[in-house]
Amino acid sequence: MDPRTERSIAAYDAAAEAYQQAWWDERPLDAVRTFARQAGRGALVIDVAAGPVLDVRVLRDAGLFVVAGDRSPAAMAIGGKLFPKKPLAVWDYRRLPFADATFEGVWAPAALQHLPRAEVRAALAELRRVQRTGPIFLSFREGSGDLEPARDEPVGDVYVTSVTEPELKALLADRGYTSIEVERRPDPAGSRDVTWLYGWGRLPG
């Protein structure tokens, strides 16, 4: 693993509780509603980089059955206290512990941005491998960076890869997704220097 990715994971692990408290009420609810509508009530979906389970609650409340995991043991420990009966696990989403075509949706906001640019396509292929049908939701910072330093409070300094709108569309199209859409969104932390890209795709089924 790239040492910059390792440093980002360690930073999120150390700040898991503070991160959860800071962002618990600041979730992308419009994206959750769109994702849930496309997946269908009761769909089995995967939250591939759940962090301190910020989105498990809102995805569940939208009528979805959620399997969630993260590389951060501290984040999953927090998740286990909040959702002791929910399937949560520590995993590396580049090698997910599931059979092909298991899920009916993939929820991956900001998940792939901590990988070097050269690894993003392979990681997305792994997410596609475990998905049978339904929507995928990805988000990245907009730009052309390759694991460049960025601030993500209250974590502090992390490293992120950013993409352009055509790149995000191409990533999804290359993996066989259709109905691809990309939306530009302001930074939820309020930075005027950061724009986010919300990427959507669907698998027929």
C-alpha atoms as a PDB file:
ATOM      1  CA  MET A   1       0.000   0.000   0.000  1.00  0.00           C
ATOM      2  CA  ASP A   2       1.197   3.502  -0.815  1.00  0.00           C
ATOM      3  CA  PRO A   3       2.614   5.083   2.377  1.00  0.00           C
ATOM      4  CA  ARG A   4       0.463   8.171   1.839  1.00  0.00           C
ATOM      5  CA  THR A   5      -2.641   5.970   1.877  1.00  0.00           C
ATOM      6  CA  GLU A   6      -1.381   4.306   5.037  1.00  0.00           C
ATOM      7  CA  ARG A   7      -0.904   7.709   6.680  1.00  0.00           C
ATOM      8  CA  SER A   8      -4.436   8.740   5.731  1.00  0.00           C
ATOM      9  CA  ILE A   9      -5.890   5.524   7.171  1.00  0.00           C
ATOM     10  CA  ALA A  10      -3.931   6.033  10.399  1.00  0.00           C
ATOM     11  CA  ALA A  11      -5.180   9.618  10.670  1.00  0.00           C
ATOM     12  CA  TYR A  12      -8.825   8.575  10.285  1.00  0.00           C
ATOM     13  CA  ASP A  13      -8.314   5.709  12.732  1.00  0.00           C
ATOM     14  CA  ALA A  14      -6.894   8.062  15.365  1.00  0.00           C
ATOM     15  CA  ALA A  15      -9.720  10.578  14.919  1.00  0.00           C
ATOM     16  CA  ALA A  16     -12.617   8.153  14.401  1.00  0.00           C
ATOM     17  CA  GLU A  17     -14.682   9.285  17.384  1.00  0.00           C
ATOM     18  CA  ALA A  18     -14.151  12.994  16.746  1.00  0.00           C
ATOM     19  CA  TYR A  19     -14.942  12.518  13.050  1.00  0.00           C
ATOM     20  CA  GLN A  20     -18.194  10.773  13.847  1.00  0.00           C
ATOM     21  CA  GLN A  21     -19.248  13.510  16.249  1.00  0.00           C
ATOM     22  CA  ALA A  22     -18.378  16.268  13.784  1.00  0.00           C
ATOM     23  CA  TRP A  23     -20.222  14.758  10.796  1.00  0.00           C
ATOM     24  CA  TRP A  24     -23.047  12.726  12.343  1.00  0.00           C
ATOM     25  CA  ASP A  25     -25.740  15.244  11.378  1.00  0.00           C
ATOM     26  CA  GLU A  26     -24.116  16.340   8.112  1.00  0.00           C
ATOM     27  CA  ARG A  27     -24.966  13.504   5.748  1.00  0.00           C
ATOM     28  CA  PRO A  28     -25.802  13.708   1.986  1.00  0.00           C
ATOM     29  CA  LEU A  29     -29.458  12.862   2.510  1.00  0.00           C
ATOM     30  CA  ASP A  30     -30.530  13.749  -1.030  1.00  0.00           C
ATOM     31  CA  ALA A  31     -27.954  11.286  -2.385  1.00  0.00           C
ATOM     32  CA  VAL A  32     -29.128   8.657   0.104  1.00  0.00           C
ATOM     33  CA  ARG A  33     -32.730   9.066  -1.047  1.00  0.00           C
ATOM     34  CA  THR A  34     -31.758   8.793  -4.717  1.00  0.00           C
ATOM     35  CA  PHE A  35     -29.618   5.728  -4.024  1.00  0.00           C
ATOM     36  CA  ALA A  36     -32.375   4.048  -2.003  1.00  0.00           C
ATOM     37  CA  ARG A  37     -34.988   4.740  -4.666  1.00  0.00           C
ATOM     38  CA  GLN A  38     -32.782   3.255  -7.377  1.00  0.00           C
ATOM     39  CA  ALA A  39     -31.842   0.212  -5.292  1.00  0.00           C
ATOM     40  CA  GLY A  40     -35.390  -0.503  -4.137  1.00  0.00           C
ATOM     41  CA  ARG A  41     -36.698  -1.075  -0.638  1.00  0.00           C
ATOM     42  CA  GLY A  42     -35.059  -4.002   1.108  1.00  0.00           C
ATOM     43  CA  ALA A  43     -32.100  -4.143  -1.272  1.00  0.00           C
ATOM     44  CA  LEU A  44     -28.850  -5.598   0.023  1.00  0.00           C
ATOM     45  CA  VAL A  45     -26.182  -2.905  -0.399  1.00  0.00           C
ATOM     46  CA  ILE A  46     -22.576  -2.449   0.639  1.00  0.00           C
ATOM     47  CA  ASP A  47     -21.024   0.637   2.242  1.00  0.00           C
ATOM     48  CA  VAL A  48     -17.434  -0.040   1.254  1.00  0.00           C
ATOM     49  CA  ALA A  49     -15.598   2.584   3.335  1.00  0.00           C
ATOM     50  CA  ALA A  50     -18.028   3.245   6.134  1.00  0.00           C
ATOM     51  CA  GLY A  51     -15.672   5.057   8.499  1.00  0.00           C
ATOM     52  CA  PRO A  52     -17.364   5.459  11.903  1.00  0.00           C
ATOM     53  CA  VAL A  53     -20.658   4.234  10.366  1.00  0.00           C
ATOM     54  CA  LEU A  54     -21.915   7.703   9.513  1.00  0.00           C
ATOM     55  CA  ASP A  55     -24.139   6.500   6.682  1.00  0.00           C
ATOM     56  CA  VAL A  56     -25.271   3.106   7.981  1.00  0.00           C
ATOM     57  CA  ARG A  57     -28.062   4.747   9.945  1.00  0.00           C
ATOM     58  CA  VAL A  58     -29.423   6.863   7.092  1.00  0.00           C
ATOM     59  CA  LEU A  59     -29.162   4.053   4.537  1.00  0.00           C
ATOM     60  CA  ARG A  60     -30.969   1.721   6.911  1.00  0.00           C
ATOM     61  CA  ASP A  61     -33.641   4.337   7.612  1.00  0.00           C
ATOM     62  CA  ALA A  62     -34.144   4.663   3.844  1.00  0.00           C
ATOM     63  CA  GLY A  63     -35.209   1.019   3.763  1.00  0.00           C
ATOM     64  CA  LEU A  64     -31.973  -0.706   2.752  1.00  0.00           C
ATOM     65  CA  PHE A  65     -30.175  -3.688   4.276  1.00  0.00           C
ATOM     66  CA  VAL A  66     -26.594  -2.512   4.741  1.00  0.00           C
ATOM     67  CA  VAL A  67     -23.336  -4.449   5.003  1.00  0.00           C
ATOM     68  CA  ALA A  68     -20.550  -2.046   5.968  1.00  0.00           C
ATOM     69  CA  GLY A  69     -16.823  -2.086   6.564  1.00  0.00           C
ATOM     70  CA  ASP A  70     -13.654  -0.029   6.687  1.00  0.00           C
ATOM     71  CA  ARG A  71      -9.894  -0.388   7.064  1.00  0.00           C
ATOM     72  CA  SER A  72     -10.064   1.466  10.395  1.00  0.00           C
ATOM     73  CA  PRO A  73     -10.421  -0.827  13.439  1.00  0.00           C
ATOM     74  CA  ALA A  74     -11.332   2.170  15.611  1.00  0.00           C
ATOM     75  CA  ALA A  75     -14.172   3.134  13.256  1.00  0.00           C
ATOM     76  CA  MET A  76     -15.558  -0.396  13.279  1.00  0.00           C
ATOM     77  CA  ALA A  77     -15.322  -0.547  17.061  1.00  0.00           C
ATOM     78  CA  ILE A  78     -17.503   2.568  17.225  1.00  0.00           C
ATOM     79  CA  GLY A  79     -19.874   1.023  14.707  1.00  0.00           C
ATOM     80  CA  GLY A  80     -20.149  -2.164  16.731  1.00  0.00           C
ATOM     81  CA  LYS A  81     -21.314  -0.208  19.768  1.00  0.00           C
ATOM     82  CA  LEU A  82     -23.949   1.684  17.805  1.00  0.00           C
ATOM     83  CA  PHE A  83     -25.140  -1.209  15.647  1.00  0.00           C
ATOM     84  CA  PRO A  84     -24.286  -4.439  17.486  1.00  0.00           C
ATOM     85  CA  LYS A  85     -26.615  -6.517  15.312  1.00  0.00           C
ATOM     86  CA  LYS A  86     -25.604  -5.022  11.972  1.00  0.00           C
ATOM     87  CA  PRO A  87     -23.024  -6.753   9.756  1.00  0.00           C
ATOM     88  CA  LEU A  88     -19.869  -4.644  10.152  1.00  0.00           C
ATOM     89  CA  ALA A  89     -16.287  -5.717   9.484  1.00  0.00           C
ATOM     90  CA  VAL A  90     -12.731  -4.490   9.078  1.00  0.00           C
ATOM     91  CA  TRP A  91     -11.734  -5.037   5.448  1.00  0.00           C
ATOM     92  CA  ASP A  92      -9.681  -3.768   2.562  1.00  0.00           C
ATOM     93  CA  TYR A  93     -12.143  -2.836  -0.180  1.00  0.00           C
ATOM     94  CA  ARG A  94      -9.527  -3.678  -2.787  1.00  0.00           C
ATOM     95  CA  ARG A  95     -10.104  -7.341  -1.825  1.00  0.00           C
ATOM     96  CA  LEU A  96     -13.636  -7.686  -0.507  1.00  0.00           C
ATOM     97  CA  PRO A  97     -14.600 -10.930   1.301  1.00  0.00           C
ATOM     98  CA  PHE A  98     -17.696 -11.588  -0.811  1.00  0.00           C
ATOM     99  CA  ALA A  99     -18.666 -13.717  -3.764  1.00  0.00           C
ATOM    100  CA  ASP A 100     -19.245 -12.205  -7.177  1.00  0.00           C
ATOM    101  CA  ALA A 101     -22.596 -10.462  -7.746  1.00  0.00           C
ATOM    102  CA  THR A 102     -23.619 -10.364  -4.069  1.00  0.00           C
ATOM    103  CA  PHE A 103     -25.033  -6.851  -3.739  1.00  0.00           C
ATOM    104  CA  GLU A 104     -27.816  -4.744  -5.206  1.00  0.00           C
ATOM    105  CA  GLY A 105     -26.036  -1.436  -4.748  1.00  0.00           C
ATOM    106  CA  VAL A 106     -22.628   0.013  -3.898  1.00  0.00           C
ATOM    107  CA  TRP A 107     -22.342   3.095  -1.673  1.00  0.00           C
ATOM    108  CA  ALA A 108     -18.837   4.552  -1.902  1.00  0.00           C
ATOM    109  CA  PRO A 109     -18.702   8.308  -1.209  1.00  0.00           C
ATOM    110  CA  ALA A 110     -15.085   9.508  -0.921  1.00  0.00           C
ATOM    111  CA  ALA A 111     -14.005   5.860  -0.760  1.00  0.00           C
ATOM    112  CA  LEU A 112     -11.542   5.682  -3.644  1.00  0.00           C
ATOM    113  CA  GLN A 113      -9.990   9.117  -3.241  1.00  0.00           C
ATOM    114  CA  HIS A 114      -7.342   7.910  -0.799  1.00  0.00           C
ATOM    115  CA  LEU A 115      -5.799   5.560  -3.361  1.00  0.00           C
ATOM    116  CA  PRO A 116      -3.106   6.608  -5.824  1.00  0.00           C
ATOM    117  CA  ARG A 117      -4.495   7.381  -9.239  1.00  0.00           C
ATOM    118  CA  ALA A 118      -2.929   4.206 -10.703  1.00  0.00           C
ATOM    119  CA  GLU A 119      -4.975   2.006  -8.326  1.00  0.00           C
ATOM    120  CA  VAL A 120      -8.418   3.596  -8.691  1.00  0.00           C
ATOM    121  CA  ARG A 121      -9.528   1.554 -11.718  1.00  0.00           C
ATOM    122  CA  ALA A 122      -8.606  -1.765 -10.124  1.00  0.00           C
ATOM    123  CA  ALA A 123     -10.383  -0.826  -6.895  1.00  0.00           C
ATOM    124  CA  LEU A 124     -13.520   0.140  -8.775  1.00  0.00           C
ATOM    125  CA  ALA A 125     -13.340  -3.191 -10.629  1.00  0.00           C
ATOM    126  CA  GLU A 126     -13.430  -4.945  -7.259  1.00  0.00           C
ATOM    127  CA  LEU A 127     -16.529  -2.997  -6.221  1.00  0.00           C
ATOM    128  CA  ARG A 128     -18.118  -3.919  -9.542  1.00  0.00           C
ATOM    129  CA  ARG A 129     -17.233  -7.587  -9.004  1.00  0.00           C
ATOM    130  CA  VAL A 130     -19.388  -7.893  -5.907  1.00  0.00           C
ATOM    131  CA  GLN A 131     -22.335  -5.987  -7.398  1.00  0.00           C
ATOM    132  CA  ARG A 132     -25.081  -7.863  -9.233  1.00  0.00           C
ATOM    133  CA  THR A 133     -27.455  -5.039 -10.064  1.00  0.00           C
ATOM    134  CA  GLY A 134     -28.618  -1.603  -8.953  1.00  0.00           C
ATOM    135  CA  PRO A 135     -26.894   1.750  -8.398  1.00  0.00           C
ATOM    136  CA  ILE A 136     -23.401   2.817  -7.503  1.00  0.00           C
ATOM    137  CA  PHE A 137     -22.625   6.145  -5.866  1.00  0.00           C
ATOM    138  CA  LEU A 138     -19.071   7.530  -5.830  1.00  0.00           C
ATOM    139  CA  SER A 139     -17.678  10.910  -4.900  1.00  0.00           C
ATOM    140  CA  PHE A 140     -14.315  12.580  -5.400  1.00  0.00           C
ATOM    141  CA  ARG A 141     -12.883  16.023  -5.061  1.00  0.00           C
ATOM    142  CA  GLU A 142     -12.731  17.680  -8.473  1.00  0.00           C
ATOM    143  CA  GLY A 143      -9.243  18.117  -9.897  1.00  0.00           C
ATOM    144  CA  SER A 144      -6.291  16.224 -11.305  1.00  0.00           C
ATOM    145  CA  GLY A 145      -4.251  15.445  -8.205  1.00  0.00           C
ATOM    146  CA  ASP A 146      -2.570  12.162  -7.320  1.00  0.00           C
ATOM    147  CA  LEU A 147      -2.582  11.720  -3.539  1.00  0.00           C
ATOM    148  CA  GLU A 148      -1.980  15.372  -2.806  1.00  0.00           C
ATOM    149  CA  PRO A 149      -2.184  16.760   0.753  1.00  0.00           C
ATOM    150  CA  ALA A 150      -5.613  17.955   1.876  1.00  0.00           C
ATOM    151  CA  ARG A 151      -7.274  18.996   5.120  1.00  0.00           C
ATOM    152  CA  ASP A 152     -10.223  16.999   6.420  1.00  0.00           C
ATOM    153  CA  GLU A 153     -11.223  18.292   9.819  1.00  0.00           C
ATOM    154  CA  PRO A 154     -11.243  17.106  12.522  1.00  0.00           C
ATOM    155  CA  VAL A 155      -8.828  14.487  11.162  1.00  0.00           C
ATOM    156  CA  GLY A 156      -6.249  16.942   9.878  1.00  0.00           C
ATOM    157  CA  ASP A 157      -3.915  16.285   6.971  1.00  0.00           C
ATOM    158  CA  VAL A 158      -4.695  13.390   4.631  1.00  0.00           C
ATOM    159  CA  TYR A 159      -3.826  12.586   1.015  1.00  0.00           C
ATOM    160  CA  VAL A 160      -6.415  12.568  -1.768  1.00  0.00           C
ATOM    161  CA  THR A 161      -6.660  11.823  -5.453  1.00  0.00           C
ATOM    162  CA  SER A 162      -9.004  14.099  -7.382  1.00  0.00           C
ATOM    163  CA  VAL A 163     -10.651  13.541 -10.761  1.00  0.00           C
ATOM    164  CA  THR A 164     -12.333  15.537 -13.490  1.00  0.00           C
ATOM    165  CA  GLU A 165     -15.927  15.061 -14.596  1.00  0.00           C
ATOM    166  CA  PRO A 166     -14.922  13.257 -17.842  1.00  0.00           C
ATOM    167  CA  GLU A 167     -12.593  10.979 -15.874  1.00  0.00           C
ATOM    168  CA  LEU A 168     -15.316   9.998 -13.436  1.00  0.00           C
ATOM    169  CA  LYS A 169     -17.753   9.285 -16.249  1.00  0.00           C
ATOM    170  CA  ALA A 170     -15.115   7.175 -18.007  1.00  0.00           C
ATOM    171  CA  LEU A 171     -14.349   5.210 -14.833  1.00  0.00           C
ATOM    172  CA  LEU A 172     -17.978   4.227 -14.502  1.00  0.00           C
ATOM    173  CA  ALA A 173     -18.501   3.516 -18.188  1.00  0.00           C
ATOM    174  CA  ASP A 174     -15.409   1.304 -18.327  1.00  0.00           C
ATOM    175  CA  ARG A 175     -16.888  -0.930 -15.645  1.00  0.00           C
ATOM    176  CA  GLY A 176     -20.148  -1.376 -17.545  1.00  0.00           C
ATOM    177  CA  TYR A 177     -22.352   1.101 -15.692  1.00  0.00           C
ATOM    178  CA  THR A 178     -25.112   2.884 -17.582  1.00  0.00           C
ATOM    179  CA  SER A 179     -27.335   5.909 -16.854  1.00  0.00           C
ATOM    180  CA  ILE A 180     -24.166   7.692 -15.733  1.00  0.00           C
ATOM    181  CA  GLU A 181     -24.540  11.132 -14.210  1.00  0.00           C
ATOM    182  CA  VAL A 182     -22.039  13.437 -12.523  1.00  0.00           C
ATOM    183  CA  GLU A 183     -23.048  16.394 -10.350  1.00  0.00           C
ATOM    184  CA  ARG A 184     -20.779  19.178  -9.090  1.00  0.00           C
ATOM    185  CA  ARG A 185     -21.364  19.981  -5.415  1.00  0.00           C
ATOM    186  CA  PRO A 186     -19.929  22.554  -3.003  1.00  0.00           C
ATOM    187  CA  ASP A 187     -17.647  21.348  -0.260  1.00  0.00           C
ATOM    188  CA  PRO A 188     -19.758  20.355   2.799  1.00  0.00           C
ATOM    189  CA  ALA A 189     -16.993  21.723   5.029  1.00  0.00           C
ATOM    190  CA  GLY A 190     -17.406  25.129   3.405  1.00  0.00           C
ATOM    191  CA  SER A 191     -14.082  25.416   1.582  1.00  0.00           C
ATOM    192  CA  ARG A 192     -14.405  27.649  -1.473  1.00  0.00           C
ATOM    193  CA  ASP A 193     -11.347  25.980  -2.987  1.00  0.00           C
ATOM    194  CA  VAL A 194     -12.942  22.511  -3.050  1.00  0.00           C
ATOM    195  CA  THR A 195     -15.684  21.185  -5.328  1.00  0.00           C
ATOM    196  CA  TRP A 196     -16.984  17.641  -5.119  1.00  0.00           C
ATOM    197  CA  LEU A 197     -18.146  15.412  -7.945  1.00  0.00           C
ATOM    198  CA  TYR A 198     -21.027  13.056  -7.232  1.00  0.00           C
ATOM    199  CA  GLY A 199     -20.979  10.152  -9.661  1.00  0.00           C
ATOM    200  CA  TRP A 200     -23.897   7.815 -10.354  1.00  0.00           C
ATOM    201  CA  GLY A 201     -24.212   4.697 -12.460  1.00  0.00           C
ATOM    202  CA  ARG A 202     -26.506   1.689 -12.705  1.00  0.00           C
ATOM    203  CA  LEU A 203     -26.261  -1.968 -13.573  1.00  0.00           C
ATOM    204  CA  PRO A 204     -29.226  -3.458 -15.391  1.00  0.00           C
ATOM    205  CA  GLY A 205     -30.946  -6.318 -13.708  1.00  0.00           C
END
